[in-house]
């Protein structure tokens, strides 16, 4: 009986050392996949944060720009000051454009080329005139980690359309 116990004990210790090596190999295969998914979640969450910040900044700046006597430069500075609290703004493009095209009945907003809209000086805008404040940035310029899941050239945008008072 004692000999049988010694054989089982020796077998058990050799199985543990073999298992330890197996665990390291399994970790070597699983760890990169696990970290890829974790960093991907961080990047996707960060992209959503950037988009929401762009939308909030343009909404607040457009609301401020609707008051009489506020200039386009004031609105641009307002967007920049809000965005700078969340991420670097050197690569963010902010525009204030005339949005009268949205007053056309039956107009499809997805067909609008925002870059081709004419610029507007808000201090000279007519009452009830539509304007759009738009901010956009390439995701590669604000990503936390090297862009692997989200393409670096993906444009993240936020805009707000408002009427001038």
C-alpha atoms as a PDB file:
ATOM      1  CA  UNK A   1       0.000   0.000   0.000  1.00  0.00           C
ATOM      2  CA  UNK A   2       2.823   2.386   0.845  1.00  0.00           C
ATOM      3  CA  UNK A   3       4.511   1.730  -2.506  1.00  0.00           C
ATOM      4  CA  UNK A   4       1.248   2.487  -4.307  1.00  0.00           C
ATOM      5  CA  UNK A   5       0.970   5.810  -2.434  1.00  0.00           C
ATOM      6  CA  UNK A   6       4.514   6.803  -3.450  1.00  0.00           C
ATOM      7  CA  UNK A   7       3.767   6.046  -7.108  1.00  0.00           C
ATOM      8  CA  UNK A   8       0.631   8.217  -6.998  1.00  0.00           C
ATOM      9  CA  UNK A   9       2.536  11.034  -5.283  1.00  0.00           C
ATOM     10  CA  UNK A  10       5.308  10.967  -7.902  1.00  0.00           C
ATOM     11  CA  UNK A  11       2.760  10.883 -10.711  1.00  0.00           C
ATOM     12  CA  UNK A  12       0.914  13.834  -9.195  1.00  0.00           C
ATOM     13  CA  UNK A  13       4.015  16.026  -8.948  1.00  0.00           C
ATOM     14  CA  UNK A  14       5.077  15.261 -12.505  1.00  0.00           C
ATOM     15  CA  UNK A  15       1.545  16.102 -13.735  1.00  0.00           C
ATOM     16  CA  UNK A  16       1.705  19.438 -11.912  1.00  0.00           C
ATOM     17  CA  UNK A  17       4.999  20.407 -13.528  1.00  0.00           C
ATOM     18  CA  UNK A  18       3.665  19.387 -16.947  1.00  0.00           C
ATOM     19  CA  UNK A  19       0.475  21.364 -16.306  1.00  0.00           C
ATOM     20  CA  UNK A  20       2.486  24.426 -15.277  1.00  0.00           C
ATOM     21  CA  UNK A  21       4.195  24.427 -18.669  1.00  0.00           C
ATOM     22  CA  UNK A  22       0.848  24.007 -20.405  1.00  0.00           C
ATOM     23  CA  UNK A  23      -0.577  27.003 -18.547  1.00  0.00           C
ATOM     24  CA  UNK A  24       2.264  29.217 -19.712  1.00  0.00           C
ATOM     25  CA  UNK A  25       1.750  28.154 -23.317  1.00  0.00           C
ATOM     26  CA  UNK A  26      -2.011  28.752 -23.020  1.00  0.00           C
ATOM     27  CA  UNK A  27      -1.343  32.206 -21.543  1.00  0.00           C
ATOM     28  CA  UNK A  28       0.991  32.998 -24.443  1.00  0.00           C
ATOM     29  CA  UNK A  29      -1.847  32.268 -26.887  1.00  0.00           C
ATOM     30  CA  UNK A  30      -4.700  33.856 -24.958  1.00  0.00           C
ATOM     31  CA  UNK A  31      -3.073  37.029 -23.552  1.00  0.00           C
ATOM     32  CA  UNK A  32      -2.598  38.837 -26.895  1.00  0.00           C
ATOM     33  CA  UNK A  33      -6.205  38.141 -27.896  1.00  0.00           C
ATOM     34  CA  UNK A  34      -7.464  39.281 -24.493  1.00  0.00           C
ATOM     35  CA  UNK A  35      -5.437  42.500 -24.578  1.00  0.00           C
ATOM     36  CA  UNK A  36      -6.495  43.199 -28.165  1.00  0.00           C
ATOM     37  CA  UNK A  37     -10.154  43.024 -27.112  1.00  0.00           C
ATOM     38  CA  UNK A  38      -9.543  45.154 -24.027  1.00  0.00           C
ATOM     39  CA  UNK A  39      -7.691  47.870 -25.950  1.00  0.00           C
ATOM     40  CA  UNK A  40     -10.357  47.719 -28.659  1.00  0.00           C
ATOM     41  CA  UNK A  41     -13.023  48.416 -26.050  1.00  0.00           C
ATOM     42  CA  UNK A  42     -10.990  51.362 -24.761  1.00  0.00           C
ATOM     43  CA  UNK A  43     -10.638  52.777 -28.283  1.00  0.00           C
ATOM     44  CA  UNK A  44     -14.316  52.368 -29.144  1.00  0.00           C
ATOM     45  CA  UNK A  45     -15.323  53.983 -25.850  1.00  0.00           C
ATOM     46  CA  UNK A  46     -12.916  56.839 -26.490  1.00  0.00           C
ATOM     47  CA  UNK A  47     -14.302  57.340 -30.014  1.00  0.00           C
ATOM     48  CA  UNK A  48     -17.824  57.637 -28.587  1.00  0.00           C
ATOM     49  CA  UNK A  49     -16.557  60.115 -25.989  1.00  0.00           C
ATOM     50  CA  UNK A  50     -14.935  62.248 -28.708  1.00  0.00           C
ATOM     51  CA  UNK A  51     -18.111  62.264 -30.829  1.00  0.00           C
ATOM     52  CA  UNK A  52     -20.273  63.205 -27.842  1.00  0.00           C
ATOM     53  CA  UNK A  53     -17.849  65.970 -26.883  1.00  0.00           C
ATOM     54  CA  UNK A  54     -17.900  67.326 -30.449  1.00  0.00           C
ATOM     55  CA  UNK A  55     -21.714  67.352 -30.413  1.00  0.00           C
ATOM     56  CA  UNK A  56     -21.924  69.022 -27.006  1.00  0.00           C
ATOM     57  CA  UNK A  57     -19.346  71.678 -27.913  1.00  0.00           C
ATOM     58  CA  UNK A  58     -21.051  72.587 -31.171  1.00  0.00           C
ATOM     59  CA  UNK A  59     -24.469  72.681 -29.484  1.00  0.00           C
ATOM     60  CA  UNK A  60     -23.281  75.033 -26.722  1.00  0.00           C
ATOM     61  CA  UNK A  61     -21.388  77.256 -29.145  1.00  0.00           C
ATOM     62  CA  UNK A  62     -24.328  77.396 -31.590  1.00  0.00           C
ATOM     63  CA  UNK A  63     -26.668  78.347 -28.774  1.00  0.00           C
ATOM     64  CA  UNK A  64     -24.286  81.130 -27.753  1.00  0.00           C
ATOM     65  CA  UNK A  65     -23.979  82.236 -31.401  1.00  0.00           C
ATOM     66  CA  UNK A  66     -27.727  82.637 -31.771  1.00  0.00           C
ATOM     67  CA  UNK A  67     -27.668  85.804 -29.671  1.00  0.00           C
ATOM     68  CA  UNK A  68     -27.412  89.140 -31.435  1.00  0.00           C
ATOM     69  CA  UNK A  69     -23.960  90.696 -31.628  1.00  0.00           C
ATOM     70  CA  UNK A  70     -22.006  87.438 -31.229  1.00  0.00           C
ATOM     71  CA  UNK A  71     -19.346  86.936 -33.887  1.00  0.00           C
ATOM     72  CA  UNK A  72     -18.231  83.787 -35.651  1.00  0.00           C
ATOM     73  CA  UNK A  73     -14.839  84.086 -33.944  1.00  0.00           C
ATOM     74  CA  UNK A  74     -16.550  83.967 -30.540  1.00  0.00           C
ATOM     75  CA  UNK A  75     -18.344  80.760 -31.518  1.00  0.00           C
ATOM     76  CA  UNK A  76     -15.125  79.189 -32.828  1.00  0.00           C
ATOM     77  CA  UNK A  77     -13.307  80.084 -29.611  1.00  0.00           C
ATOM     78  CA  UNK A  78     -16.157  78.620 -27.550  1.00  0.00           C
ATOM     79  CA  UNK A  79     -15.953  75.290 -29.379  1.00  0.00           C
ATOM     80  CA  UNK A  80     -12.174  75.223 -28.946  1.00  0.00           C
ATOM     81  CA  UNK A  81     -12.368  75.994 -25.222  1.00  0.00           C
ATOM     82  CA  UNK A  82     -14.874  73.179 -24.630  1.00  0.00           C
ATOM     83  CA  UNK A  83     -12.992  70.628 -26.720  1.00  0.00           C
ATOM     84  CA  UNK A  84      -9.614  71.455 -25.197  1.00  0.00           C
ATOM     85  CA  UNK A  85     -10.825  70.095 -21.846  1.00  0.00           C
ATOM     86  CA  UNK A  86     -11.264  66.628 -23.389  1.00  0.00           C
ATOM     87  CA  UNK A  87      -8.533  66.148 -26.006  1.00  0.00           C
ATOM     88  CA  UNK A  88      -5.922  68.098 -28.046  1.00  0.00           C
ATOM     89  CA  UNK A  89      -7.651  70.434 -30.499  1.00  0.00           C
ATOM     90  CA  UNK A  90      -4.798  71.153 -32.908  1.00  0.00           C
ATOM     91  CA  UNK A  91      -6.262  68.872 -35.578  1.00  0.00           C
ATOM     92  CA  UNK A  92      -9.943  69.728 -35.043  1.00  0.00           C
ATOM     93  CA  UNK A  93     -11.595  71.639 -37.897  1.00  0.00           C
ATOM     94  CA  UNK A  94     -14.435  73.916 -36.773  1.00  0.00           C
ATOM     95  CA  UNK A  95     -16.605  75.749 -39.286  1.00  0.00           C
ATOM     96  CA  UNK A  96     -19.616  78.028 -39.109  1.00  0.00           C
ATOM     97  CA  UNK A  97     -21.660  77.875 -42.316  1.00  0.00           C
ATOM     98  CA  UNK A  98     -24.914  79.210 -43.706  1.00  0.00           C
ATOM     99  CA  UNK A  99     -27.509  76.427 -43.382  1.00  0.00           C
ATOM    100  CA  UNK A 100     -30.381  77.934 -45.384  1.00  0.00           C
ATOM    101  CA  UNK A 101     -30.358  74.779 -47.506  1.00  0.00           C
ATOM    102  CA  UNK A 102     -32.123  73.007 -44.610  1.00  0.00           C
ATOM    103  CA  UNK A 103     -35.123  75.358 -44.992  1.00  0.00           C
ATOM    104  CA  UNK A 104     -35.954  73.748 -48.351  1.00  0.00           C
ATOM    105  CA  UNK A 105     -39.042  71.502 -48.008  1.00  0.00           C
ATOM    106  CA  UNK A 106     -38.346  67.832 -48.701  1.00  0.00           C
ATOM    107  CA  UNK A 107     -34.576  68.316 -48.554  1.00  0.00           C
ATOM    108  CA  UNK A 108     -32.644  65.162 -47.559  1.00  0.00           C
ATOM    109  CA  UNK A 109     -30.030  66.096 -44.890  1.00  0.00           C
ATOM    110  CA  UNK A 110     -27.826  63.155 -45.845  1.00  0.00           C
ATOM    111  CA  UNK A 111     -27.332  64.656 -49.320  1.00  0.00           C
ATOM    112  CA  UNK A 112     -25.744  67.872 -48.025  1.00  0.00           C
ATOM    113  CA  UNK A 113     -22.070  68.473 -48.712  1.00  0.00           C
ATOM    114  CA  UNK A 114     -21.167  70.455 -45.599  1.00  0.00           C
ATOM    115  CA  UNK A 115     -17.860  71.615 -47.026  1.00  0.00           C
ATOM    116  CA  UNK A 116     -19.551  73.375 -49.924  1.00  0.00           C
ATOM    117  CA  UNK A 117     -21.930  75.426 -47.760  1.00  0.00           C
ATOM    118  CA  UNK A 118     -21.048  79.130 -47.721  1.00  0.00           C
ATOM    119  CA  UNK A 119     -19.371  80.548 -44.621  1.00  0.00           C
ATOM    120  CA  UNK A 120     -21.272  83.078 -42.535  1.00  0.00           C
ATOM    121  CA  UNK A 121     -20.348  85.893 -40.167  1.00  0.00           C
ATOM    122  CA  UNK A 122     -22.845  85.587 -37.329  1.00  0.00           C
ATOM    123  CA  UNK A 123     -22.686  89.246 -36.317  1.00  0.00           C
ATOM    124  CA  UNK A 124     -24.061  90.116 -39.793  1.00  0.00           C
ATOM    125  CA  UNK A 125     -26.657  87.302 -39.941  1.00  0.00           C
ATOM    126  CA  UNK A 126     -30.319  88.090 -40.529  1.00  0.00           C
ATOM    127  CA  UNK A 127     -32.912  87.251 -37.863  1.00  0.00           C
ATOM    128  CA  UNK A 128     -34.206  83.646 -38.145  1.00  0.00           C
ATOM    129  CA  UNK A 129     -31.348  82.705 -40.500  1.00  0.00           C
ATOM    130  CA  UNK A 130     -30.179  79.107 -40.125  1.00  0.00           C
ATOM    131  CA  UNK A 131     -26.507  78.392 -39.532  1.00  0.00           C
ATOM    132  CA  UNK A 132     -24.527  75.301 -38.681  1.00  0.00           C
ATOM    133  CA  UNK A 133     -21.577  74.930 -36.348  1.00  0.00           C
ATOM    134  CA  UNK A 134     -19.602  71.831 -37.330  1.00  0.00           C
ATOM    135  CA  UNK A 135     -16.501  70.263 -35.782  1.00  0.00           C
ATOM    136  CA  UNK A 136     -14.623  67.300 -37.180  1.00  0.00           C
ATOM    137  CA  UNK A 137     -11.416  65.440 -36.462  1.00  0.00           C
ATOM    138  CA  UNK A 138      -9.764  62.302 -37.802  1.00  0.00           C
ATOM    139  CA  UNK A 139      -9.803  59.561 -35.201  1.00  0.00           C
ATOM    140  CA  UNK A 140      -6.092  58.865 -35.668  1.00  0.00           C
ATOM    141  CA  UNK A 141      -5.359  62.368 -34.354  1.00  0.00           C
ATOM    142  CA  UNK A 142      -7.171  61.793 -31.042  1.00  0.00           C
ATOM    143  CA  UNK A 143      -6.836  58.038 -30.469  1.00  0.00           C
ATOM    144  CA  UNK A 144      -5.428  56.794 -27.179  1.00  0.00           C
ATOM    145  CA  UNK A 145      -3.662  53.767 -28.569  1.00  0.00           C
ATOM    146  CA  UNK A 146      -2.405  53.175 -32.069  1.00  0.00           C
ATOM    147  CA  UNK A 147      -5.516  52.807 -34.207  1.00  0.00           C
ATOM    148  CA  UNK A 148      -5.987  49.135 -34.784  1.00  0.00           C
ATOM    149  CA  UNK A 149      -9.725  48.568 -34.521  1.00  0.00           C
ATOM    150  CA  UNK A 150     -11.004  51.918 -35.756  1.00  0.00           C
ATOM    151  CA  UNK A 151      -9.408  53.234 -38.964  1.00  0.00           C
ATOM    152  CA  UNK A 152      -7.183  56.254 -38.323  1.00  0.00           C
ATOM    153  CA  UNK A 153      -8.709  58.205 -41.218  1.00  0.00           C
ATOM    154  CA  UNK A 154     -12.270  57.863 -39.883  1.00  0.00           C
ATOM    155  CA  UNK A 155     -13.782  61.345 -39.498  1.00  0.00           C
ATOM    156  CA  UNK A 156     -15.552  61.935 -36.203  1.00  0.00           C
ATOM    157  CA  UNK A 157     -18.010  64.816 -36.450  1.00  0.00           C
ATOM    158  CA  UNK A 158     -20.446  66.796 -34.421  1.00  0.00           C
ATOM    159  CA  UNK A 159     -22.665  69.611 -35.596  1.00  0.00           C
ATOM    160  CA  UNK A 160     -25.544  71.749 -34.479  1.00  0.00           C
ATOM    161  CA  UNK A 161     -27.979  73.778 -36.557  1.00  0.00           C
ATOM    162  CA  UNK A 162     -29.461  76.884 -34.985  1.00  0.00           C
ATOM    163  CA  UNK A 163     -31.439  79.960 -35.979  1.00  0.00           C
ATOM    164  CA  UNK A 164     -29.983  83.398 -35.399  1.00  0.00           C
ATOM    165  CA  UNK A 165     -32.071  85.763 -33.268  1.00  0.00           C
END
